[in-house]
C-alpha cells in the first residue's frame, strides 16, 4: 500500500501562520500610538494624534512627521476631513482633500505655513484666543492644540460636525466579546453607566489594541461616534498602569506597549507549542501507517 509522505516542517509553519493570522485579524482595525504611525510613539503629542485620527480629522498617511512644521496644505487636508468633504481612512488622497478645501473656501491658499490663528479660524470659527496667534506650530503641536480645545463649546461643535461627542471617563467595569447577528465579533465596553460597542475602526491610547485587556483599566478620556441610531466608542485613552513592588511602593507607570508585546510573545510561544504537539502526533501517525 502506498504511504503518504508528510512535510512536517511545512505543516508546523502553516499551523503557526494560520493561528497567528486569526488572532491578528480579530484586532486588525484597532490601533494605538505604537501602531498608528511609525514615527509618533515617542512624541509628546502621540495620544492627541491618535485621538484626532479616531475623530476622523487627521488622515492615516504612511507617516505623520510630528516635528515637521504645520503647513497650509496640512491645514487644508485636515479641514476637508473635519467638514466631511472627502474620504479619509488609510492612505487617502491628501492632494484631493486640500483641493476641495480650497474650492469650498475653507482656506485661501495651500502655500506656506499655517499659524495658530489659522487653526482657530478653520476649526473653531475664530472663537478661541491663541496665546501666540502668529506662531507656526509643528504638526504634533497643531494636533495637541486642537485636541486640548475639544472640550470647549467650539470644540464640541467641531466634534459634532464629525458625528462625535465627548464620552465618560472612569473605571472600565466590564469588557465583553459579543457575536454579531451578521457574523464576526464586537467588544462591548462598560464605563460607568455607559455600555457601548467599540467602533470597528476605533482608536485607543496608552493601552493595548487587544480590547480584552482593557477590563479593569481606568479611562481618562473617551469619545463616542454616533451614526443614525447607533453609538460606538471611537477613542479610549487609559490612565497609566503602576507596577506594585514589595513594600507597597510603585515603580511608576508601566509601558503599555511592552505589556502588549509580552502578551503577543506569550501567544506566539503558545502557538509554537501547539504546532509542535500537532507535528508530533502527525509524525507518529505517519510511522504507524502501513
C-alpha atoms as a PDB file:
ATOM      1  CA  UNK A   1       0.000   0.000   0.000  1.00  0.00           C
ATOM      2  CA  UNK A   2       1.329   3.408  -0.971  1.00  0.00           C
ATOM      3  CA  UNK A   3       2.096   5.641   2.012  1.00  0.00           C
ATOM      4  CA  UNK A   4       1.731   9.420   2.074  1.00  0.00           C
ATOM      5  CA  UNK A   5       4.784  11.464   2.981  1.00  0.00           C
ATOM      6  CA  UNK A   6       4.113  14.424   5.201  1.00  0.00           C
ATOM      7  CA  UNK A   7       6.322  17.524   5.230  1.00  0.00           C
ATOM      8  CA  UNK A   8       6.116  18.134   8.972  1.00  0.00           C
ATOM      9  CA  UNK A   9       8.156  21.347   8.917  1.00  0.00           C
ATOM     10  CA  UNK A  10       5.793  22.908   6.394  1.00  0.00           C
ATOM     11  CA  UNK A  11       2.830  21.724   8.462  1.00  0.00           C
ATOM     12  CA  UNK A  12       4.202  23.401  11.594  1.00  0.00           C
ATOM     13  CA  UNK A  13       4.816  26.676   9.794  1.00  0.00           C
ATOM     14  CA  UNK A  14       1.329  26.600   8.265  1.00  0.00           C
ATOM     15  CA  UNK A  15      -0.349  25.979  11.623  1.00  0.00           C
ATOM     16  CA  UNK A  16       1.554  28.849  13.250  1.00  0.00           C
ATOM     17  CA  UNK A  17       0.784  31.250  10.395  1.00  0.00           C
ATOM     18  CA  UNK A  18      -2.931  30.417  10.333  1.00  0.00           C
ATOM     19  CA  UNK A  19      -3.291  30.712  14.103  1.00  0.00           C
ATOM     20  CA  UNK A  20      -1.339  33.972  14.192  1.00  0.00           C
ATOM     21  CA  UNK A  21      -3.385  35.418  11.320  1.00  0.00           C
ATOM     22  CA  UNK A  22      -6.633  34.560  13.096  1.00  0.00           C
ATOM     23  CA  UNK A  23      -5.504  36.444  16.211  1.00  0.00           C
ATOM     24  CA  UNK A  24      -4.223  39.481  14.335  1.00  0.00           C
ATOM     25  CA  UNK A  25      -7.373  39.642  12.193  1.00  0.00           C
ATOM     26  CA  UNK A  26      -9.524  39.945  15.323  1.00  0.00           C
ATOM     27  CA  UNK A  27      -7.871  43.260  16.267  1.00  0.00           C
ATOM     28  CA  UNK A  28      -6.632  44.383  12.848  1.00  0.00           C
ATOM     29  CA  UNK A  29      -8.642  47.610  12.724  1.00  0.00           C
ATOM     30  CA  UNK A  30      -7.921  48.824  16.268  1.00  0.00           C
ATOM     31  CA  UNK A  31      -4.705  50.836  16.513  1.00  0.00           C
ATOM     32  CA  UNK A  32      -2.832  52.739  19.205  1.00  0.00           C
ATOM     33  CA  UNK A  33       0.120  55.116  19.374  1.00  0.00           C
ATOM     34  CA  UNK A  34       2.534  52.239  18.710  1.00  0.00           C
ATOM     35  CA  UNK A  35       0.785  51.054  15.548  1.00  0.00           C
ATOM     36  CA  UNK A  36      -0.991  54.087  14.061  1.00  0.00           C
ATOM     37  CA  UNK A  37       2.103  55.872  12.749  1.00  0.00           C
ATOM     38  CA  UNK A  38       5.671  54.537  12.955  1.00  0.00           C
ATOM     39  CA  UNK A  39       7.087  57.942  13.965  1.00  0.00           C
ATOM     40  CA  UNK A  40       4.862  59.125  16.839  1.00  0.00           C
ATOM     41  CA  UNK A  41       5.490  56.564  19.561  1.00  0.00           C
ATOM     42  CA  UNK A  42       7.842  58.889  21.456  1.00  0.00           C
ATOM     43  CA  UNK A  43       6.139  62.190  20.585  1.00  0.00           C
ATOM     44  CA  UNK A  44       4.551  64.168  23.415  1.00  0.00           C
ATOM     45  CA  UNK A  45       1.520  64.616  21.143  1.00  0.00           C
ATOM     46  CA  UNK A  46       1.075  60.902  20.358  1.00  0.00           C
ATOM     47  CA  UNK A  47      -2.214  60.459  22.233  1.00  0.00           C
ATOM     48  CA  UNK A  48      -3.697  63.629  20.734  1.00  0.00           C
ATOM     49  CA  UNK A  49      -2.668  62.487  17.259  1.00  0.00           C
ATOM     50  CA  UNK A  50      -4.359  59.109  17.714  1.00  0.00           C
ATOM     51  CA  UNK A  51      -7.441  60.860  19.109  1.00  0.00           C
ATOM     52  CA  UNK A  52      -7.792  63.063  16.031  1.00  0.00           C
ATOM     53  CA  UNK A  53      -7.359  60.045  13.770  1.00  0.00           C
ATOM     54  CA  UNK A  54     -10.190  58.387  15.689  1.00  0.00           C
ATOM     55  CA  UNK A  55     -12.303  61.512  15.239  1.00  0.00           C
ATOM     56  CA  UNK A  56     -11.610  61.437  11.502  1.00  0.00           C
ATOM     57  CA  UNK A  57      -9.684  64.714  11.352  1.00  0.00           C
ATOM     58  CA  UNK A  58      -6.111  63.532  10.760  1.00  0.00           C
ATOM     59  CA  UNK A  59      -5.574  61.383   7.635  1.00  0.00           C
ATOM     60  CA  UNK A  60      -3.957  57.958   8.028  1.00  0.00           C
ATOM     61  CA  UNK A  61      -0.878  58.629   5.929  1.00  0.00           C
ATOM     62  CA  UNK A  62       2.151  56.278   5.984  1.00  0.00           C
ATOM     63  CA  UNK A  63       3.980  58.615   8.414  1.00  0.00           C
ATOM     64  CA  UNK A  64       2.889  61.633  10.463  1.00  0.00           C
ATOM     65  CA  UNK A  65       6.100  63.661  10.928  1.00  0.00           C
ATOM     66  CA  UNK A  66       5.180  65.232  14.296  1.00  0.00           C
ATOM     67  CA  UNK A  67       8.213  67.553  14.336  1.00  0.00           C
ATOM     68  CA  UNK A  68       7.628  68.994  10.852  1.00  0.00           C
ATOM     69  CA  UNK A  69       6.177  72.500  10.634  1.00  0.00           C
ATOM     70  CA  UNK A  70       2.416  72.599  10.102  1.00  0.00           C
ATOM     71  CA  UNK A  71       1.703  73.827   6.587  1.00  0.00           C
ATOM     72  CA  UNK A  72      -1.389  75.322   4.991  1.00  0.00           C
ATOM     73  CA  UNK A  73      -1.587  72.179   2.861  1.00  0.00           C
ATOM     74  CA  UNK A  74      -1.792  70.135   6.090  1.00  0.00           C
ATOM     75  CA  UNK A  75      -4.406  72.530   7.417  1.00  0.00           C
ATOM     76  CA  UNK A  76      -6.469  72.197   4.224  1.00  0.00           C
ATOM     77  CA  UNK A  77      -6.327  68.390   4.328  1.00  0.00           C
ATOM     78  CA  UNK A  78      -7.396  68.205   7.973  1.00  0.00           C
ATOM     79  CA  UNK A  79     -10.114  70.811   7.408  1.00  0.00           C
ATOM     80  CA  UNK A  80     -11.592  68.862   4.491  1.00  0.00           C
ATOM     81  CA  UNK A  81     -11.851  65.761   6.676  1.00  0.00           C
ATOM     82  CA  UNK A  82     -13.286  67.758   9.592  1.00  0.00           C
ATOM     83  CA  UNK A  83     -16.032  69.080   7.313  1.00  0.00           C
ATOM     84  CA  UNK A  84     -16.624  65.623   5.763  1.00  0.00           C
ATOM     85  CA  UNK A  85     -15.705  66.847   2.284  1.00  0.00           C
ATOM     86  CA  UNK A  86     -13.746  63.762   1.263  1.00  0.00           C
ATOM     87  CA  UNK A  87     -12.821  60.208   2.126  1.00  0.00           C
ATOM     88  CA  UNK A  88     -10.354  59.572   4.914  1.00  0.00           C
ATOM     89  CA  UNK A  89      -9.207  56.142   6.008  1.00  0.00           C
ATOM     90  CA  UNK A  90      -5.842  54.621   5.173  1.00  0.00           C
ATOM     91  CA  UNK A  91      -3.590  56.450   2.676  1.00  0.00           C
ATOM     92  CA  UNK A  92      -6.233  58.948   1.457  1.00  0.00           C
ATOM     93  CA  UNK A  93      -5.673  61.308  -1.459  1.00  0.00           C
ATOM     94  CA  UNK A  94      -4.394  64.282   0.543  1.00  0.00           C
ATOM     95  CA  UNK A  95      -3.950  66.430  -2.568  1.00  0.00           C
ATOM     96  CA  UNK A  96      -7.615  65.951  -3.464  1.00  0.00           C
ATOM     97  CA  UNK A  97      -8.644  66.807   0.093  1.00  0.00           C
ATOM     98  CA  UNK A  98      -6.579  70.002   0.055  1.00  0.00           C
ATOM     99  CA  UNK A  99      -8.056  70.946  -3.329  1.00  0.00           C
ATOM    100  CA  UNK A 100     -11.642  70.551  -2.151  1.00  0.00           C
ATOM    101  CA  UNK A 101     -10.853  72.671   0.926  1.00  0.00           C
ATOM    102  CA  UNK A 102      -9.677  75.412  -1.441  1.00  0.00           C
ATOM    103  CA  UNK A 103     -12.746  75.037  -3.642  1.00  0.00           C
ATOM    104  CA  UNK A 104     -15.047  75.302  -0.617  1.00  0.00           C
ATOM    105  CA  UNK A 105     -13.069  78.337   0.589  1.00  0.00           C
ATOM    106  CA  UNK A 106     -12.176  76.780   3.912  1.00  0.00           C
ATOM    107  CA  UNK A 107      -8.692  78.158   3.328  1.00  0.00           C
ATOM    108  CA  UNK A 108      -7.452  80.874   0.969  1.00  0.00           C
ATOM    109  CA  UNK A 109      -4.167  79.224  -0.025  1.00  0.00           C
ATOM    110  CA  UNK A 110      -2.237  75.998   0.470  1.00  0.00           C
ATOM    111  CA  UNK A 111       1.125  77.724   0.089  1.00  0.00           C
ATOM    112  CA  UNK A 112       3.394  78.331   3.054  1.00  0.00           C
ATOM    113  CA  UNK A 113       2.997  77.566   6.733  1.00  0.00           C
ATOM    114  CA  UNK A 114      -0.099  77.707   8.926  1.00  0.00           C
ATOM    115  CA  UNK A 115      -0.406  79.546  12.248  1.00  0.00           C
ATOM    116  CA  UNK A 116      -2.338  79.004  15.455  1.00  0.00           C
ATOM    117  CA  UNK A 117      -4.751  81.713  14.309  1.00  0.00           C
ATOM    118  CA  UNK A 118      -5.324  79.769  11.080  1.00  0.00           C
ATOM    119  CA  UNK A 119      -6.199  76.702  13.151  1.00  0.00           C
ATOM    120  CA  UNK A 120      -8.526  78.801  15.294  1.00  0.00           C
ATOM    121  CA  UNK A 121     -10.265  80.232  12.235  1.00  0.00           C
ATOM    122  CA  UNK A 122     -10.678  76.988  10.299  1.00  0.00           C
ATOM    123  CA  UNK A 123     -11.544  74.540  13.078  1.00  0.00           C
ATOM    124  CA  UNK A 124     -13.000  76.706  15.839  1.00  0.00           C
ATOM    125  CA  UNK A 125     -14.661  79.501  13.805  1.00  0.00           C
ATOM    126  CA  UNK A 126     -12.353  82.078  15.441  1.00  0.00           C
ATOM    127  CA  UNK A 127     -13.869  81.545  18.902  1.00  0.00           C
ATOM    128  CA  UNK A 128     -10.585  80.763  20.690  1.00  0.00           C
ATOM    129  CA  UNK A 129      -7.863  83.177  21.796  1.00  0.00           C
ATOM    130  CA  UNK A 130      -4.456  81.655  20.962  1.00  0.00           C
ATOM    131  CA  UNK A 131      -1.522  82.734  23.113  1.00  0.00           C
ATOM    132  CA  UNK A 132       0.713  83.021  20.038  1.00  0.00           C
ATOM    133  CA  UNK A 133      -1.660  83.573  17.123  1.00  0.00           C
ATOM    134  CA  UNK A 134       1.055  84.342  14.548  1.00  0.00           C
ATOM    135  CA  UNK A 135       3.329  81.420  15.505  1.00  0.00           C
ATOM    136  CA  UNK A 136       3.616  78.299  13.366  1.00  0.00           C
ATOM    137  CA  UNK A 137       3.279  75.051  15.328  1.00  0.00           C
ATOM    138  CA  UNK A 138       4.737  71.687  14.438  1.00  0.00           C
ATOM    139  CA  UNK A 139       2.259  69.067  13.264  1.00  0.00           C
ATOM    140  CA  UNK A 140       2.351  67.474  16.700  1.00  0.00           C
ATOM    141  CA  UNK A 141       1.712  70.814  18.402  1.00  0.00           C
ATOM    142  CA  UNK A 142      -1.154  71.518  15.995  1.00  0.00           C
ATOM    143  CA  UNK A 143      -2.750  68.190  16.905  1.00  0.00           C
ATOM    144  CA  UNK A 144      -2.381  68.900  20.628  1.00  0.00           C
ATOM    145  CA  UNK A 145      -3.838  72.400  20.255  1.00  0.00           C
ATOM    146  CA  UNK A 146      -6.931  71.027  18.529  1.00  0.00           C
ATOM    147  CA  UNK A 147      -7.322  68.076  20.919  1.00  0.00           C
ATOM    148  CA  UNK A 148      -6.884  70.248  24.026  1.00  0.00           C
ATOM    149  CA  UNK A 149      -9.762  72.510  22.986  1.00  0.00           C
ATOM    150  CA  UNK A 150     -12.254  69.777  22.069  1.00  0.00           C
ATOM    151  CA  UNK A 151     -13.973  70.207  25.435  1.00  0.00           C
ATOM    152  CA  UNK A 152     -14.788  73.870  24.745  1.00  0.00           C
ATOM    153  CA  UNK A 153     -18.097  74.817  23.125  1.00  0.00           C
ATOM    154  CA  UNK A 154     -16.244  75.490  19.875  1.00  0.00           C
ATOM    155  CA  UNK A 155     -14.549  72.101  20.162  1.00  0.00           C
ATOM    156  CA  UNK A 156     -17.829  70.332  20.803  1.00  0.00           C
ATOM    157  CA  UNK A 157     -19.225  71.956  17.660  1.00  0.00           C
ATOM    158  CA  UNK A 158     -16.201  70.686  15.729  1.00  0.00           C
ATOM    159  CA  UNK A 159     -16.774  67.160  17.020  1.00  0.00           C
ATOM    160  CA  UNK A 160     -20.481  67.367  16.208  1.00  0.00           C
ATOM    161  CA  UNK A 161     -19.612  68.018  12.570  1.00  0.00           C
ATOM    162  CA  UNK A 162     -17.783  64.685  12.646  1.00  0.00           C
ATOM    163  CA  UNK A 163     -20.630  62.856  14.400  1.00  0.00           C
ATOM    164  CA  UNK A 164     -18.503  62.545  17.548  1.00  0.00           C
ATOM    165  CA  UNK A 165     -19.029  63.658  21.135  1.00  0.00           C
ATOM    166  CA  UNK A 166     -17.105  63.502  24.397  1.00  0.00           C
ATOM    167  CA  UNK A 167     -17.706  60.323  26.405  1.00  0.00           C
ATOM    168  CA  UNK A 168     -17.329  59.486  30.100  1.00  0.00           C
ATOM    169  CA  UNK A 169     -14.124  58.811  31.992  1.00  0.00           C
ATOM    170  CA  UNK A 170     -13.682  56.282  34.767  1.00  0.00           C
ATOM    171  CA  UNK A 171     -13.332  52.606  35.526  1.00  0.00           C
ATOM    172  CA  UNK A 172     -13.883  50.079  32.719  1.00  0.00           C
ATOM    173  CA  UNK A 173     -16.058  47.755  34.751  1.00  0.00           C
ATOM    174  CA  UNK A 174     -16.666  45.163  32.050  1.00  0.00           C
ATOM    175  CA  UNK A 175     -15.406  44.105  28.619  1.00  0.00           C
ATOM    176  CA  UNK A 176     -17.497  41.545  26.738  1.00  0.00           C
ATOM    177  CA  UNK A 177     -16.947  39.876  23.376  1.00  0.00           C
ATOM    178  CA  UNK A 178     -20.312  39.535  21.652  1.00  0.00           C
ATOM    179  CA  UNK A 179     -21.236  37.772  18.440  1.00  0.00           C
ATOM    180  CA  UNK A 180     -22.725  39.981  15.724  1.00  0.00           C
ATOM    181  CA  UNK A 181     -26.001  38.848  14.085  1.00  0.00           C
ATOM    182  CA  UNK A 182     -24.364  39.042  10.651  1.00  0.00           C
ATOM    183  CA  UNK A 183     -21.139  37.307  11.748  1.00  0.00           C
ATOM    184  CA  UNK A 184     -17.935  38.491  13.406  1.00  0.00           C
ATOM    185  CA  UNK A 185     -17.396  39.693  16.954  1.00  0.00           C
ATOM    186  CA  UNK A 186     -17.646  43.050  18.702  1.00  0.00           C
ATOM    187  CA  UNK A 187     -16.196  44.145  22.018  1.00  0.00           C
ATOM    188  CA  UNK A 188     -18.722  45.859  24.297  1.00  0.00           C
ATOM    189  CA  UNK A 189     -17.073  48.022  26.963  1.00  0.00           C
ATOM    190  CA  UNK A 190     -18.818  49.436  30.034  1.00  0.00           C
ATOM    191  CA  UNK A 191     -17.532  52.647  31.619  1.00  0.00           C
ATOM    192  CA  UNK A 192     -19.652  53.892  34.487  1.00  0.00           C
ATOM    193  CA  UNK A 193     -23.267  53.756  33.341  1.00  0.00           C
ATOM    194  CA  UNK A 194     -22.348  53.738  29.645  1.00  0.00           C
ATOM    195  CA  UNK A 195     -22.103  50.409  27.823  1.00  0.00           C
ATOM    196  CA  UNK A 196     -21.238  50.621  24.115  1.00  0.00           C
ATOM    197  CA  UNK A 197     -19.561  48.542  21.413  1.00  0.00           C
ATOM    198  CA  UNK A 198     -16.185  49.601  20.067  1.00  0.00           C
ATOM    199  CA  UNK A 199     -16.230  51.157  16.610  1.00  0.00           C
ATOM    200  CA  UNK A 200     -14.671  48.765  14.079  1.00  0.00           C
ATOM    201  CA  UNK A 201     -12.008  51.363  13.215  1.00  0.00           C
ATOM    202  CA  UNK A 202     -11.735  52.828  16.707  1.00  0.00           C
ATOM    203  CA  UNK A 203      -8.506  54.000  18.256  1.00  0.00           C
ATOM    204  CA  UNK A 204      -7.031  53.513  21.739  1.00  0.00           C
ATOM    205  CA  UNK A 205      -4.145  55.179  23.555  1.00  0.00           C
ATOM    206  CA  UNK A 206      -1.910  54.252  26.483  1.00  0.00           C
ATOM    207  CA  UNK A 207      -3.224  50.722  26.284  1.00  0.00           C
ATOM    208  CA  UNK A 208      -3.153  47.580  24.132  1.00  0.00           C
ATOM    209  CA  UNK A 209      -5.095  47.068  20.919  1.00  0.00           C
ATOM    210  CA  UNK A 210      -6.367  43.798  22.383  1.00  0.00           C
ATOM    211  CA  UNK A 211      -9.520  45.221  23.945  1.00  0.00           C
ATOM    212  CA  UNK A 212      -9.947  42.248  26.278  1.00  0.00           C
ATOM    213  CA  UNK A 213      -7.041  43.692  28.272  1.00  0.00           C
ATOM    214  CA  UNK A 214      -8.988  46.898  28.951  1.00  0.00           C
ATOM    215  CA  UNK A 215     -11.141  45.108  31.526  1.00  0.00           C
ATOM    216  CA  UNK A 216     -10.411  46.876  34.813  1.00  0.00           C
ATOM    217  CA  UNK A 217      -8.441  49.749  33.269  1.00  0.00           C
ATOM    218  CA  UNK A 218      -9.216  53.352  34.196  1.00  0.00           C
ATOM    219  CA  UNK A 219     -10.171  55.509  31.208  1.00  0.00           C
ATOM    220  CA  UNK A 220      -9.056  59.141  31.397  1.00  0.00           C
ATOM    221  CA  UNK A 221     -10.578  60.294  28.080  1.00  0.00           C
ATOM    222  CA  UNK A 222     -13.148  58.821  25.707  1.00  0.00           C
ATOM    223  CA  UNK A 223     -15.101  59.839  22.628  1.00  0.00           C
ATOM    224  CA  UNK A 224     -18.253  58.390  21.139  1.00  0.00           C
ATOM    225  CA  UNK A 225     -19.199  58.215  17.462  1.00  0.00           C
ATOM    226  CA  UNK A 226     -22.878  58.360  16.537  1.00  0.00           C
ATOM    227  CA  UNK A 227     -24.283  57.010  13.274  1.00  0.00           C
ATOM    228  CA  UNK A 228     -28.045  57.176  12.784  1.00  0.00           C
ATOM    229  CA  UNK A 229     -29.491  55.474  15.900  1.00  0.00           C
ATOM    230  CA  UNK A 230     -26.228  53.718  16.799  1.00  0.00           C
ATOM    231  CA  UNK A 231     -23.431  54.811  19.108  1.00  0.00           C
ATOM    232  CA  UNK A 232     -19.897  53.395  19.466  1.00  0.00           C
ATOM    233  CA  UNK A 233     -16.709  54.080  21.356  1.00  0.00           C
ATOM    234  CA  UNK A 234     -14.362  55.654  18.810  1.00  0.00           C
ATOM    235  CA  UNK A 235     -11.481  56.548  21.144  1.00  0.00           C
ATOM    236  CA  UNK A 236     -10.386  55.323  24.571  1.00  0.00           C
ATOM    237  CA  UNK A 237      -7.362  56.625  26.445  1.00  0.00           C
ATOM    238  CA  UNK A 238      -6.285  54.854  29.622  1.00  0.00           C
ATOM    239  CA  UNK A 239      -4.596  56.079  32.744  1.00  0.00           C
ATOM    240  CA  UNK A 240      -1.090  54.584  33.054  1.00  0.00           C
ATOM    241  CA  UNK A 241      -0.742  51.341  34.990  1.00  0.00           C
ATOM    242  CA  UNK A 242       1.545  51.402  38.016  1.00  0.00           C
ATOM    243  CA  UNK A 243       3.546  48.282  38.773  1.00  0.00           C
ATOM    244  CA  UNK A 244       3.484  47.352  42.500  1.00  0.00           C
ATOM    245  CA  UNK A 245       6.705  46.261  44.201  1.00  0.00           C
ATOM    246  CA  UNK A 246       7.311  44.666  47.637  1.00  0.00           C
ATOM    247  CA  UNK A 247       6.743  47.142  50.435  1.00  0.00           C
ATOM    248  CA  UNK A 248       3.700  48.750  48.852  1.00  0.00           C
ATOM    249  CA  UNK A 249       5.588  51.193  46.648  1.00  0.00           C
ATOM    250  CA  UNK A 250       5.237  51.565  42.911  1.00  0.00           C
ATOM    251  CA  UNK A 251       7.750  51.532  40.100  1.00  0.00           C
ATOM    252  CA  UNK A 252       5.702  54.121  38.203  1.00  0.00           C
ATOM    253  CA  UNK A 253       3.685  53.816  35.003  1.00  0.00           C
ATOM    254  CA  UNK A 254       4.036  50.558  33.129  1.00  0.00           C
ATOM    255  CA  UNK A 255       4.810  50.771  29.411  1.00  0.00           C
ATOM    256  CA  UNK A 256       1.577  49.584  27.713  1.00  0.00           C
ATOM    257  CA  UNK A 257       3.478  48.803  24.528  1.00  0.00           C
ATOM    258  CA  UNK A 258       5.776  46.473  26.444  1.00  0.00           C
ATOM    259  CA  UNK A 259       2.756  44.827  28.098  1.00  0.00           C
ATOM    260  CA  UNK A 260       1.165  44.241  24.722  1.00  0.00           C
ATOM    261  CA  UNK A 261       4.429  42.912  23.325  1.00  0.00           C
ATOM    262  CA  UNK A 262       4.661  40.449  26.215  1.00  0.00           C
ATOM    263  CA  UNK A 263       1.111  39.281  25.538  1.00  0.00           C
ATOM    264  CA  UNK A 264       1.838  38.771  21.852  1.00  0.00           C
ATOM    265  CA  UNK A 265       5.074  36.963  22.666  1.00  0.00           C
ATOM    266  CA  UNK A 266       3.262  34.617  25.057  1.00  0.00           C
ATOM    267  CA  UNK A 267       0.670  33.957  22.378  1.00  0.00           C
ATOM    268  CA  UNK A 268       3.422  33.152  19.883  1.00  0.00           C
ATOM    269  CA  UNK A 269       5.038  30.693  22.284  1.00  0.00           C
ATOM    270  CA  UNK A 270       1.668  29.037  22.818  1.00  0.00           C
ATOM    271  CA  UNK A 271       1.166  28.723  19.077  1.00  0.00           C
ATOM    272  CA  UNK A 272       4.608  27.192  18.658  1.00  0.00           C
ATOM    273  CA  UNK A 273       3.891  24.685  21.422  1.00  0.00           C
ATOM    274  CA  UNK A 274       0.543  23.761  19.876  1.00  0.00           C
ATOM    275  CA  UNK A 275       2.090  23.402  16.433  1.00  0.00           C
ATOM    276  CA  UNK A 276       4.874  21.233  17.848  1.00  0.00           C
ATOM    277  CA  UNK A 277       2.349  18.968  19.542  1.00  0.00           C
ATOM    278  CA  UNK A 278       0.395  18.607  16.325  1.00  0.00           C
ATOM    279  CA  UNK A 279       3.613  17.822  14.460  1.00  0.00           C
ATOM    280  CA  UNK A 280       4.494  15.034  16.888  1.00  0.00           C
ATOM    281  CA  UNK A 281       1.030  13.495  16.545  1.00  0.00           C
ATOM    282  CA  UNK A 282       1.254  13.552  12.749  1.00  0.00           C
ATOM    283  CA  UNK A 283       4.792  12.132  12.895  1.00  0.00           C
ATOM    284  CA  UNK A 284       3.832   9.095  14.951  1.00  0.00           C
ATOM    285  CA  UNK A 285       0.680   8.556  12.916  1.00  0.00           C
ATOM    286  CA  UNK A 286       2.849   8.579   9.783  1.00  0.00           C
ATOM    287  CA  UNK A 287       5.209   5.985  11.264  1.00  0.00           C
ATOM    288  CA  UNK A 288       2.334   3.666  12.134  1.00  0.00           C
ATOM    289  CA  UNK A 289       0.858   3.906   8.646  1.00  0.00           C
ATOM    290  CA  UNK A 290       1.356   0.636   6.629  1.00  0.00           C
END
